[in-house]
Amino acid sequence: MSLLRSVEVVVVGEPQRLYRVSRARDDERFAEALRSHYEQGLPPRGPEDRAAVIHMALSMFASADVAAQLAGRVPKLGGHVATIDLVPGLGLCVAKTGGPAHWSVWGRPLQLASCVTDVVKVSS
């Protein structure tokens, strides 16, 4: 059972850099990385099953290294790490969830795409 008991969601009020495991920017499936499991019609899993709000969020990380480790462990996620520079005024929301580097992020895919500043392949 998930240890998640509460989620404090805040609207992005100042720039914040996070990292998301993704596919290459020129991959036709890149946009999927900016859609929650809920938006993709996928069933909830883990903490998503305990709290619908997490099912509707994207997992991101405060550290590029943590994201790269996940990309290396789970190649089906795309093998790349996107740098996401969240900015105020786009309706984006964040919550500190999961482990020490994990964040949950809510936003519309087009606004999130405008925040992608870099995508790098993870070394194998």
PDB file of N, CA and C in Angstrom:
ATOM      1  N   MET A   1       0.841  -1.185   0.000  1.00  0.00           N
ATOM      2  CA  MET A   1       0.000   0.000   0.000  1.00  0.00           C
ATOM      3  C   MET A   1       0.882   1.244   0.000  1.00  0.00           C
ATOM      4  N   SER A   2       0.483   2.241  -0.731  1.00  0.00           N
ATOM      5  CA  SER A   2       1.217   3.501  -0.820  1.00  0.00           C
ATOM      6  C   SER A   2       1.227   4.208   0.524  1.00  0.00           C
ATOM      7  N   LEU A   3       2.322   4.884   0.818  1.00  0.00           N
ATOM      8  CA  LEU A   3       2.433   5.664   2.048  1.00  0.00           C
ATOM      9  C   LEU A   3       1.831   7.055   1.886  1.00  0.00           C
ATOM     10  N   LEU A   4       1.415   7.392   0.678  1.00  0.00           N
ATOM     11  CA  LEU A   4       0.854   8.704   0.397  1.00  0.00           C
ATOM     12  C   LEU A   4      -0.411   8.939   1.215  1.00  0.00           C
ATOM     13  N   ARG A   5      -0.417  10.028   1.998  1.00  0.00           N
ATOM     14  CA  ARG A   5      -1.572  10.344   2.833  1.00  0.00           C
ATOM     15  C   ARG A   5      -2.173  11.710   2.497  1.00  0.00           C
ATOM     16  N   SER A   6      -1.344  12.624   2.039  1.00  0.00           N
ATOM     17  CA  SER A   6      -1.845  13.944   1.664  1.00  0.00           C
ATOM     18  C   SER A   6      -0.961  14.511   0.558  1.00  0.00           C
ATOM     19  N   VAL A   7      -1.531  15.440  -0.188  1.00  0.00           N
ATOM     20  CA  VAL A   7      -0.818  16.075  -1.289  1.00  0.00           C
ATOM     21  C   VAL A   7      -1.085  17.565  -1.201  1.00  0.00           C
ATOM     22  N   GLU A   8      -0.019  18.360  -1.099  1.00  0.00           N
ATOM     23  CA  GLU A   8      -0.168  19.815  -1.083  1.00  0.00           C
ATOM     24  C   GLU A   8       0.218  20.345  -2.461  1.00  0.00           C
ATOM     25  N   VAL A   9      -0.784  20.680  -3.249  1.00  0.00           N
ATOM     26  CA  VAL A   9      -0.584  21.145  -4.618  1.00  0.00           C
ATOM     27  C   VAL A   9      -0.489  22.669  -4.607  1.00  0.00           C
ATOM     28  N   VAL A  10       0.541  23.200  -5.278  1.00  0.00           N
ATOM     29  CA  VAL A  10       0.700  24.653  -5.376  1.00  0.00           C
ATOM     30  C   VAL A  10       0.836  25.058  -6.841  1.00  0.00           C
ATOM     31  N   VAL A  11       0.320  26.218  -7.151  1.00  0.00           N
ATOM     32  CA  VAL A  11       0.464  26.782  -8.490  1.00  0.00           C
ATOM     33  C   VAL A  11       1.905  27.282  -8.628  1.00  0.00           C
ATOM     34  N   VAL A  12       2.534  26.997  -9.763  1.00  0.00           N
ATOM     35  CA  VAL A  12       3.914  27.456  -9.986  1.00  0.00           C
ATOM     36  C   VAL A  12       3.929  28.980  -9.940  1.00  0.00           C
ATOM     37  N   GLY A  13       4.666  29.525  -8.965  1.00  0.00           N
ATOM     38  CA  GLY A  13       4.722  30.968  -8.768  1.00  0.00           C
ATOM     39  C   GLY A  13       6.071  31.571  -9.112  1.00  0.00           C
ATOM     40  N   GLU A  14       7.072  30.714  -9.282  1.00  0.00           N
ATOM     41  CA  GLU A  14       8.396  31.171  -9.703  1.00  0.00           C
ATOM     42  C   GLU A  14       9.028  30.056 -10.533  1.00  0.00           C
ATOM     43  N   PRO A  15       9.980  30.394 -11.396  1.00  0.00           N
ATOM     44  CA  PRO A  15      10.575  29.370 -12.254  1.00  0.00           C
ATOM     45  C   PRO A  15      11.127  28.200 -11.441  1.00  0.00           C
ATOM     46  N   GLN A  16      10.966  27.008 -11.985  1.00  0.00           N
ATOM     47  CA  GLN A  16      11.440  25.794 -11.326  1.00  0.00           C
ATOM     48  C   GLN A  16      11.884  24.813 -12.388  1.00  0.00           C
ATOM     49  N   ARG A  17      13.072  24.280 -12.244  1.00  0.00           N
ATOM     50  CA  ARG A  17      13.604  23.303 -13.202  1.00  0.00           C
ATOM     51  C   ARG A  17      13.397  21.900 -12.655  1.00  0.00           C
ATOM     52  N   LEU A  18      12.775  21.051 -13.481  1.00  0.00           N
ATOM     53  CA  LEU A  18      12.592  19.643 -13.155  1.00  0.00           C
ATOM     54  C   LEU A  18      12.977  18.813 -14.369  1.00  0.00           C
ATOM     55  N   TYR A  19      13.060  17.493 -14.176  1.00  0.00           N
ATOM     56  CA  TYR A  19      13.487  16.598 -15.250  1.00  0.00           C
ATOM     57  C   TYR A  19      12.488  15.456 -15.381  1.00  0.00           C
ATOM     58  N   ARG A  20      12.215  15.078 -16.634  1.00  0.00           N
ATOM     59  CA  ARG A  20      11.228  14.029 -16.920  1.00  0.00           C
ATOM     60  C   ARG A  20      11.835  13.029 -17.885  1.00  0.00           C
ATOM     61  N   VAL A  21      11.653  11.742 -17.620  1.00  0.00           N
ATOM     62  CA  VAL A  21      12.074  10.708 -18.556  1.00  0.00           C
ATOM     63  C   VAL A  21      11.158  10.792 -19.772  1.00  0.00           C
ATOM     64  N   SER A  22      11.747  10.727 -20.958  1.00  0.00           N
ATOM     65  CA  SER A  22      10.964  10.897 -22.184  1.00  0.00           C
ATOM     66  C   SER A  22      11.598  10.132 -23.337  1.00  0.00           C
ATOM     67  N   ARG A  23      11.004  10.306 -24.482  1.00  0.00           N
ATOM     68  CA  ARG A  23      11.585   9.837 -25.739  1.00  0.00           C
ATOM     69  C   ARG A  23      12.330  11.025 -26.366  1.00  0.00           C
ATOM     70  N   ALA A  24      13.007  10.778 -27.484  1.00  0.00           N
ATOM     71  CA  ALA A  24      13.675  11.855 -28.215  1.00  0.00           C
ATOM     72  C   ALA A  24      12.625  12.866 -28.678  1.00  0.00           C
ATOM     73  N   ARG A  25      13.014  14.107 -28.769  1.00  0.00           N
ATOM     74  CA  ARG A  25      12.070  15.163 -29.165  1.00  0.00           C
ATOM     75  C   ARG A  25      11.487  14.915 -30.557  1.00  0.00           C
ATOM     76  N   ASP A  26      12.261  14.298 -31.449  1.00  0.00           N
ATOM     77  CA  ASP A  26      11.764  14.053 -32.809  1.00  0.00           C
ATOM     78  C   ASP A  26      11.000  12.726 -32.934  1.00  0.00           C
ATOM     79  N   ASP A  27      10.845  12.002 -31.842  1.00  0.00           N
ATOM     80  CA  ASP A  27      10.051  10.761 -31.827  1.00  0.00           C
ATOM     81  C   ASP A  27       8.571  11.144 -31.808  1.00  0.00           C
ATOM     82  N   GLU A  28       7.766  10.531 -32.676  1.00  0.00           N
ATOM     83  CA  GLU A  28       6.339  10.874 -32.734  1.00  0.00           C
ATOM     84  C   GLU A  28       5.626  10.621 -31.411  1.00  0.00           C
ATOM     85  N   ARG A  29       6.222   9.801 -30.536  1.00  0.00           N
ATOM     86  CA  ARG A  29       5.612   9.511 -29.233  1.00  0.00           C
ATOM     87  C   ARG A  29       6.109  10.434 -28.128  1.00  0.00           C
ATOM     88  N   PHE A  30       6.924  11.440 -28.476  1.00  0.00           N
ATOM     89  CA  PHE A  30       7.455  12.366 -27.467  1.00  0.00           C
ATOM     90  C   PHE A  30       6.337  13.023 -26.659  1.00  0.00           C
ATOM     91  N   ALA A  31       5.256  13.416 -27.332  1.00  0.00           N
ATOM     92  CA  ALA A  31       4.153  14.109 -26.650  1.00  0.00           C
ATOM     93  C   ALA A  31       3.530  13.267 -25.549  1.00  0.00           C
ATOM     94  N   GLU A  32       3.608  11.928 -25.654  1.00  0.00           N
ATOM     95  CA  GLU A  32       3.070  11.058 -24.604  1.00  0.00           C
ATOM     96  C   GLU A  32       3.736  11.336 -23.260  1.00  0.00           C
ATOM     97  N   ALA A  33       5.002  11.738 -23.293  1.00  0.00           N
ATOM     98  CA  ALA A  33       5.734  12.011 -22.049  1.00  0.00           C
ATOM     99  C   ALA A  33       5.166  13.222 -21.319  1.00  0.00           C
ATOM    100  N   LEU A  34       4.326  13.991 -21.997  1.00  0.00           N
ATOM    101  CA  LEU A  34       3.741  15.185 -21.390  1.00  0.00           C
ATOM    102  C   LEU A  34       2.258  14.978 -21.090  1.00  0.00           C
ATOM    103  N   ARG A  35       1.836  13.729 -21.076  1.00  0.00           N
ATOM    104  CA  ARG A  35       0.449  13.365 -20.753  1.00  0.00           C
ATOM    105  C   ARG A  35       0.463  12.368 -19.599  1.00  0.00           C
ATOM    106  N   SER A  36      -0.406  12.588 -18.644  1.00  0.00           N
ATOM    107  CA  SER A  36      -0.495  11.687 -17.495  1.00  0.00           C
ATOM    108  C   SER A  36      -1.040  10.328 -17.917  1.00  0.00           C
ATOM    109  N   HIS A  37      -0.867   9.357 -17.039  1.00  0.00           N
ATOM    110  CA  HIS A  37      -1.465   8.043 -17.303  1.00  0.00           C
ATOM    111  C   HIS A  37      -2.976   8.188 -17.474  1.00  0.00           C
ATOM    112  N   TYR A  38      -3.581   9.056 -16.684  1.00  0.00           N
ATOM    113  CA  TYR A  38      -5.026   9.306 -16.779  1.00  0.00           C
ATOM    114  C   TYR A  38      -5.388   9.802 -18.186  1.00  0.00           C
ATOM    115  N   GLU A  39      -4.638  10.809 -18.679  1.00  0.00           N
ATOM    116  CA  GLU A  39      -4.915  11.361 -20.011  1.00  0.00           C
ATOM    117  C   GLU A  39      -4.711  10.325 -21.112  1.00  0.00           C
ATOM    118  N   GLN A  40      -3.778   9.407 -20.893  1.00  0.00           N
ATOM    119  CA  GLN A  40      -3.498   8.372 -21.891  1.00  0.00           C
ATOM    120  C   GLN A  40      -4.469   7.202 -21.801  1.00  0.00           C
ATOM    121  N   GLY A  41      -5.373   7.231 -20.817  1.00  0.00           N
ATOM    122  CA  GLY A  41      -6.333   6.152 -20.657  1.00  0.00           C
ATOM    123  C   GLY A  41      -5.746   4.898 -20.035  1.00  0.00           C
ATOM    124  N   LEU A  42      -4.598   5.046 -19.373  1.00  0.00           N
ATOM    125  CA  LEU A  42      -3.950   3.911 -18.722  1.00  0.00           C
ATOM    126  C   LEU A  42      -4.502   3.728 -17.313  1.00  0.00           C
ATOM    127  N   PRO A  43      -4.553   2.510 -16.831  1.00  0.00           N
ATOM    128  CA  PRO A  43      -5.086   2.287 -15.477  1.00  0.00           C
ATOM    129  C   PRO A  43      -4.123   2.834 -14.416  1.00  0.00           C
ATOM    130  N   PRO A  44      -4.666   3.208 -13.263  1.00  0.00           N
ATOM    131  CA  PRO A  44      -3.799   3.683 -12.178  1.00  0.00           C
ATOM    132  C   PRO A  44      -2.932   2.547 -11.639  1.00  0.00           C
ATOM    133  N   ARG A  45      -1.772   2.928 -11.107  1.00  0.00           N
ATOM    134  CA  ARG A  45      -0.882   1.941 -10.495  1.00  0.00           C
ATOM    135  C   ARG A  45      -0.197   2.577  -9.301  1.00  0.00           C
ATOM    136  N   GLY A  46       0.145   1.775  -8.326  1.00  0.00           N
ATOM    137  CA  GLY A  46       0.833   2.263  -7.124  1.00  0.00           C
ATOM    138  C   GLY A  46       0.060   3.382  -6.465  1.00  0.00           C
ATOM    139  N   PRO A  47       0.737   4.505  -6.171  1.00  0.00           N
ATOM    140  CA  PRO A  47       0.069   5.620  -5.490  1.00  0.00           C
ATOM    141  C   PRO A  47      -1.068   6.226  -6.314  1.00  0.00           C
ATOM    142  N   GLU A  48      -1.045   6.021  -7.638  1.00  0.00           N
ATOM    143  CA  GLU A  48      -2.132   6.522  -8.494  1.00  0.00           C
ATOM    144  C   GLU A  48      -3.458   5.856  -8.129  1.00  0.00           C
ATOM    145  N   ASP A  49      -3.377   4.631  -7.633  1.00  0.00           N
ATOM    146  CA  ASP A  49      -4.577   3.894  -7.260  1.00  0.00           C
ATOM    147  C   ASP A  49      -5.154   4.425  -5.941  1.00  0.00           C
ATOM    148  N   ARG A  50      -4.288   4.934  -5.100  1.00  0.00           N
ATOM    149  CA  ARG A  50      -4.726   5.457  -3.801  1.00  0.00           C
ATOM    150  C   ARG A  50      -5.270   6.877  -3.896  1.00  0.00           C
ATOM    151  N   ALA A  51      -4.719   7.672  -4.830  1.00  0.00           N
ATOM    152  CA  ALA A  51      -5.116   9.082  -4.956  1.00  0.00           C
ATOM    153  C   ALA A  51      -5.244   9.430  -6.438  1.00  0.00           C
ATOM    154  N   ALA A  52      -6.467   9.684  -6.882  1.00  0.00           N
ATOM    155  CA  ALA A  52      -6.715  10.001  -8.292  1.00  0.00           C
ATOM    156  C   ALA A  52      -5.896  11.201  -8.755  1.00  0.00           C
ATOM    157  N   VAL A  53      -5.642  12.138  -7.854  1.00  0.00           N
ATOM    158  CA  VAL A  53      -4.876  13.328  -8.225  1.00  0.00           C
ATOM    159  C   VAL A  53      -3.473  12.949  -8.722  1.00  0.00           C
ATOM    160  N   ILE A  54      -2.889  11.892  -8.174  1.00  0.00           N
ATOM    161  CA  ILE A  54      -1.569  11.439  -8.619  1.00  0.00           C
ATOM    162  C   ILE A  54      -1.679  10.761  -9.989  1.00  0.00           C
ATOM    163  N   HIS A  55      -2.788  10.078 -10.245  1.00  0.00           N
ATOM    164  CA  HIS A  55      -3.024   9.458 -11.553  1.00  0.00           C
ATOM    165  C   HIS A  55      -3.075  10.533 -12.644  1.00  0.00           C
ATOM    166  N   MET A  56      -3.488  11.739 -12.278  1.00  0.00           N
ATOM    167  CA  MET A  56      -3.636  12.838 -13.236  1.00  0.00           C
ATOM    168  C   MET A  56      -2.381  13.705 -13.338  1.00  0.00           C
ATOM    169  N   ALA A  57      -1.309  13.305 -12.648  1.00  0.00           N
ATOM    170  CA  ALA A  57      -0.068  14.079 -12.626  1.00  0.00           C
ATOM    171  C   ALA A  57       1.025  13.394 -13.439  1.00  0.00           C
ATOM    172  N   LEU A  58       2.068  14.163 -13.727  1.00  0.00           N
ATOM    173  CA  LEU A  58       3.286  13.633 -14.335  1.00  0.00           C
ATOM    174  C   LEU A  58       4.352  13.529 -13.255  1.00  0.00           C
ATOM    175  N   SER A  59       5.135  12.467 -13.284  1.00  0.00           N
ATOM    176  CA  SER A  59       6.273  12.340 -12.378  1.00  0.00           C
ATOM    177  C   SER A  59       7.461  13.071 -12.965  1.00  0.00           C
ATOM    178  N   MET A  60       8.058  13.916 -12.152  1.00  0.00           N
ATOM    179  CA  MET A  60       9.284  14.609 -12.549  1.00  0.00           C
ATOM    180  C   MET A  60      10.248  14.556 -11.381  1.00  0.00           C
ATOM    181  N   PHE A  61      11.483  14.942 -11.646  1.00  0.00           N
ATOM    182  CA  PHE A  61      12.533  14.827 -10.648  1.00  0.00           C
ATOM    183  C   PHE A  61      13.334  16.109 -10.543  1.00  0.00           C
ATOM    184  N   ALA A  62      13.789  16.407  -9.338  1.00  0.00           N
ATOM    185  CA  ALA A  62      14.599  17.601  -9.089  1.00  0.00           C
ATOM    186  C   ALA A  62      16.027  17.424  -9.599  1.00  0.00           C
ATOM    187  N   SER A  63      16.408  16.199  -9.898  1.00  0.00           N
ATOM    188  CA  SER A  63      17.768  15.887 -10.316  1.00  0.00           C
ATOM    189  C   SER A  63      17.771  15.184 -11.671  1.00  0.00           C
ATOM    190  N   ALA A  64      18.616  15.661 -12.575  1.00  0.00           N
ATOM    191  CA  ALA A  64      18.763  15.000 -13.875  1.00  0.00           C
ATOM    192  C   ALA A  64      19.323  13.591 -13.691  1.00  0.00           C
ATOM    193  N   ASP A  65      20.201  13.417 -12.703  1.00  0.00           N
ATOM    194  CA  ASP A  65      20.790  12.101 -12.454  1.00  0.00           C
ATOM    195  C   ASP A  65      19.738  11.080 -12.039  1.00  0.00           C
ATOM    196  N   VAL A  66      18.807  11.474 -11.189  1.00  0.00           N
ATOM    197  CA  VAL A  66      17.744  10.561 -10.762  1.00  0.00           C
ATOM    198  C   VAL A  66      16.882  10.169 -11.962  1.00  0.00           C
ATOM    199  N   ALA A  67      16.538  11.140 -12.796  1.00  0.00           N
ATOM    200  CA  ALA A  67      15.751  10.847 -13.998  1.00  0.00           C
ATOM    201  C   ALA A  67      16.526   9.921 -14.932  1.00  0.00           C
ATOM    202  N   ALA A  68      17.820  10.169 -15.086  1.00  0.00           N
ATOM    203  CA  ALA A  68      18.644   9.334 -15.965  1.00  0.00           C
ATOM    204  C   ALA A  68      18.740   7.907 -15.439  1.00  0.00           C
ATOM    205  N   GLN A  69      18.834   7.751 -14.126  1.00  0.00           N
ATOM    206  CA  GLN A  69      18.866   6.399 -13.545  1.00  0.00           C
ATOM    207  C   GLN A  69      17.573   5.647 -13.865  1.00  0.00           C
ATOM    208  N   LEU A  70      16.445   6.330 -13.733  1.00  0.00           N
ATOM    209  CA  LEU A  70      15.159   5.702 -14.062  1.00  0.00           C
ATOM    210  C   LEU A  70      15.106   5.346 -15.547  1.00  0.00           C
ATOM    211  N   ALA A  71      15.545   6.259 -16.401  1.00  0.00           N
ATOM    212  CA  ALA A  71      15.547   6.001 -17.848  1.00  0.00           C
ATOM    213  C   ALA A  71      16.402   4.785 -18.177  1.00  0.00           C
ATOM    214  N   GLY A  72      17.524   4.632 -17.473  1.00  0.00           N
ATOM    215  CA  GLY A  72      18.393   3.476 -17.689  1.00  0.00           C
ATOM    216  C   GLY A  72      17.771   2.175 -17.206  1.00  0.00           C
ATOM    217  N   ARG A  73      17.033   2.239 -16.101  1.00  0.00           N
ATOM    218  CA  ARG A  73      16.399   1.039 -15.532  1.00  0.00           C
ATOM    219  C   ARG A  73      15.158   0.604 -16.317  1.00  0.00           C
ATOM    220  N   VAL A  74      14.471   1.571 -16.923  1.00  0.00           N
ATOM    221  CA  VAL A  74      13.204   1.272 -17.614  1.00  0.00           C
ATOM    222  C   VAL A  74      13.278   1.832 -19.039  1.00  0.00           C
ATOM    223  N   PRO A  75      13.982   1.132 -19.926  1.00  0.00           N
ATOM    224  CA  PRO A  75      14.177   1.635 -21.291  1.00  0.00           C
ATOM    225  C   PRO A  75      12.884   1.929 -22.053  1.00  0.00           C
ATOM    226  N   LYS A  76      11.795   1.222 -21.728  1.00  0.00           N
ATOM    227  CA  LYS A  76      10.544   1.445 -22.468  1.00  0.00           C
ATOM    228  C   LYS A  76      10.002   2.858 -22.272  1.00  0.00           C
ATOM    229  N   LEU A  77      10.524   3.590 -21.286  1.00  0.00           N
ATOM    230  CA  LEU A  77      10.094   4.976 -21.077  1.00  0.00           C
ATOM    231  C   LEU A  77      10.689   5.928 -22.112  1.00  0.00           C
ATOM    232  N   GLY A  78      11.698   5.458 -22.862  1.00  0.00           N
ATOM    233  CA  GLY A  78      12.207   6.276 -23.956  1.00  0.00           C
ATOM    234  C   GLY A  78      13.691   6.548 -23.985  1.00  0.00           C
ATOM    235  N   GLY A  79      14.398   6.331 -22.870  1.00  0.00           N
ATOM    236  CA  GLY A  79      15.848   6.468 -22.889  1.00  0.00           C
ATOM    237  C   GLY A  79      16.397   7.879 -22.963  1.00  0.00           C
ATOM    238  N   HIS A  80      15.556   8.878 -22.726  1.00  0.00           N
ATOM    239  CA  HIS A  80      15.979  10.274 -22.765  1.00  0.00           C
ATOM    240  C   HIS A  80      15.504  10.996 -21.505  1.00  0.00           C
ATOM    241  N   VAL A  81      16.139  12.112 -21.218  1.00  0.00           N
ATOM    242  CA  VAL A  81      15.703  12.966 -20.115  1.00  0.00           C
ATOM    243  C   VAL A  81      15.444  14.361 -20.672  1.00  0.00           C
ATOM    244  N   ALA A  82      14.231  14.839 -20.418  1.00  0.00           N
ATOM    245  CA  ALA A  82      13.847  16.194 -20.836  1.00  0.00           C
ATOM    246  C   ALA A  82      14.034  17.145 -19.666  1.00  0.00           C
ATOM    247  N   THR A  83      14.646  18.280 -19.939  1.00  0.00           N
ATOM    248  CA  THR A  83      14.732  19.356 -18.955  1.00  0.00           C
ATOM    249  C   THR A  83      13.473  20.192 -19.111  1.00  0.00           C
ATOM    250  N   ILE A  84      12.749  20.366 -18.011  1.00  0.00           N
ATOM    251  CA  ILE A  84      11.483  21.099 -18.022  1.00  0.00           C
ATOM    252  C   ILE A  84      11.650  22.330 -17.136  1.00  0.00           C
ATOM    253  N   ASP A  85      11.657  23.502 -17.738  1.00  0.00           N
ATOM    254  CA  ASP A  85      11.754  24.751 -16.987  1.00  0.00           C
ATOM    255  C   ASP A  85      10.353  25.330 -16.814  1.00  0.00           C
ATOM    256  N   LEU A  86       9.731  24.975 -15.689  1.00  0.00           N
ATOM    257  CA  LEU A  86       8.380  25.441 -15.397  1.00  0.00           C
ATOM    258  C   LEU A  86       8.403  26.940 -15.128  1.00  0.00           C
ATOM    259  N   VAL A  87       7.426  27.637 -15.659  1.00  0.00           N
ATOM    260  CA  VAL A  87       7.338  29.083 -15.458  1.00  0.00           C
ATOM    261  C   VAL A  87       5.938  29.452 -14.982  1.00  0.00           C
ATOM    262  N   PRO A  88       5.829  30.539 -14.226  1.00  0.00           N
ATOM    263  CA  PRO A  88       4.508  30.998 -13.779  1.00  0.00           C
ATOM    264  C   PRO A  88       3.656  31.462 -14.962  1.00  0.00           C
ATOM    265  N   GLY A  89       2.354  31.476 -14.725  1.00  0.00           N
ATOM    266  CA  GLY A  89       1.434  32.027 -15.708  1.00  0.00           C
ATOM    267  C   GLY A  89       0.884  31.039 -16.713  1.00  0.00           C
ATOM    268  N   LEU A  90       1.262  29.762 -16.597  1.00  0.00           N
ATOM    269  CA  LEU A  90       0.786  28.762 -17.551  1.00  0.00           C
ATOM    270  C   LEU A  90      -0.243  27.817 -16.929  1.00  0.00           C
ATOM    271  N   GLY A  91      -0.622  28.068 -15.695  1.00  0.00           N
ATOM    272  CA  GLY A  91      -1.588  27.204 -15.021  1.00  0.00           C
ATOM    273  C   GLY A  91      -0.988  25.909 -14.509  1.00  0.00           C
ATOM    274  N   LEU A  92       0.333  25.833 -14.438  1.00  0.00           N
ATOM    275  CA  LEU A  92       1.008  24.625 -13.982  1.00  0.00           C
ATOM    276  C   LEU A  92       0.957  24.535 -12.459  1.00  0.00           C
ATOM    277  N   CYS A  93       0.864  23.315 -11.967  1.00  0.00           N
ATOM    278  CA  CYS A  93       0.845  23.070 -10.520  1.00  0.00           C
ATOM    279  C   CYS A  93       1.842  21.972 -10.194  1.00  0.00           C
ATOM    280  N   VAL A  94       2.394  22.025  -8.975  1.00  0.00           N
ATOM    281  CA  VAL A  94       3.368  21.034  -8.534  1.00  0.00           C
ATOM    282  C   VAL A  94       3.078  20.615  -7.098  1.00  0.00           C
ATOM    283  N   ALA A  95       3.571  19.431  -6.760  1.00  0.00           N
ATOM    284  CA  ALA A  95       3.515  18.948  -5.381  1.00  0.00           C
ATOM    285  C   ALA A  95       4.741  18.081  -5.145  1.00  0.00           C
ATOM    286  N   LYS A  96       5.344  18.223  -3.982  1.00  0.00           N
ATOM    287  CA  LYS A  96       6.469  17.382  -3.593  1.00  0.00           C
ATOM    288  C   LYS A  96       5.877  16.055  -3.145  1.00  0.00           C
ATOM    289  N   THR A  97       6.139  14.999  -3.883  1.00  0.00           N
ATOM    290  CA  THR A  97       5.581  13.680  -3.580  1.00  0.00           C
ATOM    291  C   THR A  97       6.672  12.628  -3.717  1.00  0.00           C
ATOM    292  N   GLY A  98       6.425  11.454  -3.200  1.00  0.00           N
ATOM    293  CA  GLY A  98       7.367  10.347  -3.369  1.00  0.00           C
ATOM    294  C   GLY A  98       8.665  10.584  -2.636  1.00  0.00           C
ATOM    295  N   GLY A  99       9.757  10.109  -3.220  1.00  0.00           N
ATOM    296  CA  GLY A  99      11.081  10.201  -2.603  1.00  0.00           C
ATOM    297  C   GLY A  99      11.609  11.619  -2.571  1.00  0.00           C
ATOM    298  N   PRO A 100      12.860  11.750  -2.119  1.00  0.00           N
ATOM    299  CA  PRO A 100      13.433  13.087  -1.917  1.00  0.00           C
ATOM    300  C   PRO A 100      13.545  13.941  -3.181  1.00  0.00           C
ATOM    301  N   ALA A 101      13.626  13.327  -4.358  1.00  0.00           N
ATOM    302  CA  ALA A 101      13.783  14.105  -5.590  1.00  0.00           C
ATOM    303  C   ALA A 101      12.519  14.111  -6.435  1.00  0.00           C
ATOM    304  N   HIS A 102      11.458  13.452  -5.983  1.00  0.00           N
ATOM    305  CA  HIS A 102      10.264  13.262  -6.815  1.00  0.00           C
ATOM    306  C   HIS A 102       9.244  14.381  -6.654  1.00  0.00           C
ATOM    307  N   TRP A 103       8.719  14.839  -7.785  1.00  0.00           N
ATOM    308  CA  TRP A 103       7.670  15.845  -7.836  1.00  0.00           C
ATOM    309  C   TRP A 103       6.538  15.337  -8.712  1.00  0.00           C
ATOM    310  N   SER A 104       5.328  15.716  -8.394  1.00  0.00           N
ATOM    311  CA  SER A 104       4.176  15.502  -9.262  1.00  0.00           C
ATOM    312  C   SER A 104       3.831  16.847  -9.885  1.00  0.00           C
ATOM    313  N   VAL A 105       3.543  16.832 -11.183  1.00  0.00           N
ATOM    314  CA  VAL A 105       3.298  18.068 -11.921  1.00  0.00           C
ATOM    315  C   VAL A 105       1.998  17.918 -12.712  1.00  0.00           C
ATOM    316  N   TRP A 106       1.196  18.976 -12.671  1.00  0.00           N
ATOM    317  CA  TRP A 106      -0.056  19.023 -13.435  1.00  0.00           C
ATOM    318  C   TRP A 106       0.014  20.189 -14.404  1.00  0.00           C
ATOM    319  N   GLY A 107      -0.405  19.931 -15.640  1.00  0.00           N
ATOM    320  CA  GLY A 107      -0.437  20.993 -16.642  1.00  0.00           C
ATOM    321  C   GLY A 107      -0.971  20.452 -17.948  1.00  0.00           C
ATOM    322  N   ARG A 108      -1.379  21.358 -18.793  1.00  0.00           N
ATOM    323  CA  ARG A 108      -1.842  20.969 -20.114  1.00  0.00           C
ATOM    324  C   ARG A 108      -0.614  20.678 -20.990  1.00  0.00           C
ATOM    325  N   PRO A 109      -0.696  19.621 -21.827  1.00  0.00           N
ATOM    326  CA  PRO A 109       0.473  19.211 -22.616  1.00  0.00           C
ATOM    327  C   PRO A 109       1.111  20.323 -23.442  1.00  0.00           C
ATOM    328  N   LEU A 110       0.335  21.201 -24.070  1.00  0.00           N
ATOM    329  CA  LEU A 110       0.940  22.265 -24.888  1.00  0.00           C
ATOM    330  C   LEU A 110       1.743  23.242 -24.026  1.00  0.00           C
ATOM    331  N   GLN A 111       1.232  23.563 -22.850  1.00  0.00           N
ATOM    332  CA  GLN A 111       1.957  24.464 -21.963  1.00  0.00           C
ATOM    333  C   GLN A 111       3.218  23.775 -21.430  1.00  0.00           C
ATOM    334  N   LEU A 112       3.101  22.498 -21.104  1.00  0.00           N
ATOM    335  CA  LEU A 112       4.282  21.765 -20.655  1.00  0.00           C
ATOM    336  C   LEU A 112       5.324  21.672 -21.772  1.00  0.00           C
ATOM    337  N   ALA A 113       4.879  21.440 -23.001  1.00  0.00           N
ATOM    338  CA  ALA A 113       5.812  21.360 -24.135  1.00  0.00           C
ATOM    339  C   ALA A 113       6.578  22.662 -24.307  1.00  0.00           C
ATOM    340  N   SER A 114       5.928  23.784 -24.025  1.00  0.00           N
ATOM    341  CA  SER A 114       6.615  25.080 -24.154  1.00  0.00           C
ATOM    342  C   SER A 114       7.703  25.249 -23.091  1.00  0.00           C
ATOM    343  N   CYS A 115       7.691  24.416 -22.068  1.00  0.00           N
ATOM    344  CA  CYS A 115       8.677  24.490 -20.989  1.00  0.00           C
ATOM    345  C   CYS A 115       9.861  23.547 -21.199  1.00  0.00           C
ATOM    346  N   VAL A 116       9.809  22.702 -22.218  1.00  0.00           N
ATOM    347  CA  VAL A 116      10.911  21.766 -22.495  1.00  0.00           C
ATOM    348  C   VAL A 116      12.056  22.556 -23.106  1.00  0.00           C
ATOM    349  N   THR A 117      13.187  22.595 -22.408  1.00  0.00           N
ATOM    350  CA  THR A 117      14.324  23.374 -22.893  1.00  0.00           C
ATOM    351  C   THR A 117      15.452  22.509 -23.451  1.00  0.00           C
ATOM    352  N   ASP A 118      15.415  21.197 -23.145  1.00  0.00           N
ATOM    353  CA  ASP A 118      16.458  20.312 -23.645  1.00  0.00           C
ATOM    354  C   ASP A 118      15.992  18.872 -23.507  1.00  0.00           C
ATOM    355  N   VAL A 119      16.470  18.019 -24.375  1.00  0.00           N
ATOM    356  CA  VAL A 119      16.228  16.567 -24.281  1.00  0.00           C
ATOM    357  C   VAL A 119      17.542  15.886 -24.623  1.00  0.00           C
ATOM    358  N   VAL A 120      18.012  15.039 -23.724  1.00  0.00           N
ATOM    359  CA  VAL A 120      19.293  14.349 -23.947  1.00  0.00           C
ATOM    360  C   VAL A 120      19.105  12.835 -23.826  1.00  0.00           C
ATOM    361  N   LYS A 121      19.854  12.118 -24.643  1.00  0.00           N
ATOM    362  CA  LYS A 121      19.849  10.647 -24.599  1.00  0.00           C
ATOM    363  C   LYS A 121      20.652  10.203 -23.380  1.00  0.00           C
ATOM    364  N   VAL A 122      20.130   9.199 -22.705  1.00  0.00           N
ATOM    365  CA  VAL A 122      20.832   8.631 -21.550  1.00  0.00           C
ATOM    366  C   VAL A 122      21.848   7.632 -22.051  1.00  0.00           C
ATOM    367  N   SER A 123      23.075   7.727 -21.574  1.00  0.00           N
ATOM    368  CA  SER A 123      24.143   6.788 -21.967  1.00  0.00           C
ATOM    369  C   SER A 123      23.814   5.409 -21.441  1.00  0.00           C
ATOM    370  N   SER A 124      24.093   4.394 -22.264  1.00  0.00           N
ATOM    371  CA  SER A 124      23.846   3.016 -21.805  1.00  0.00           C
ATOM    372  C   SER A 124      25.064   2.417 -21.184  1.00  0.00           C
TER     373      SER A 124
END
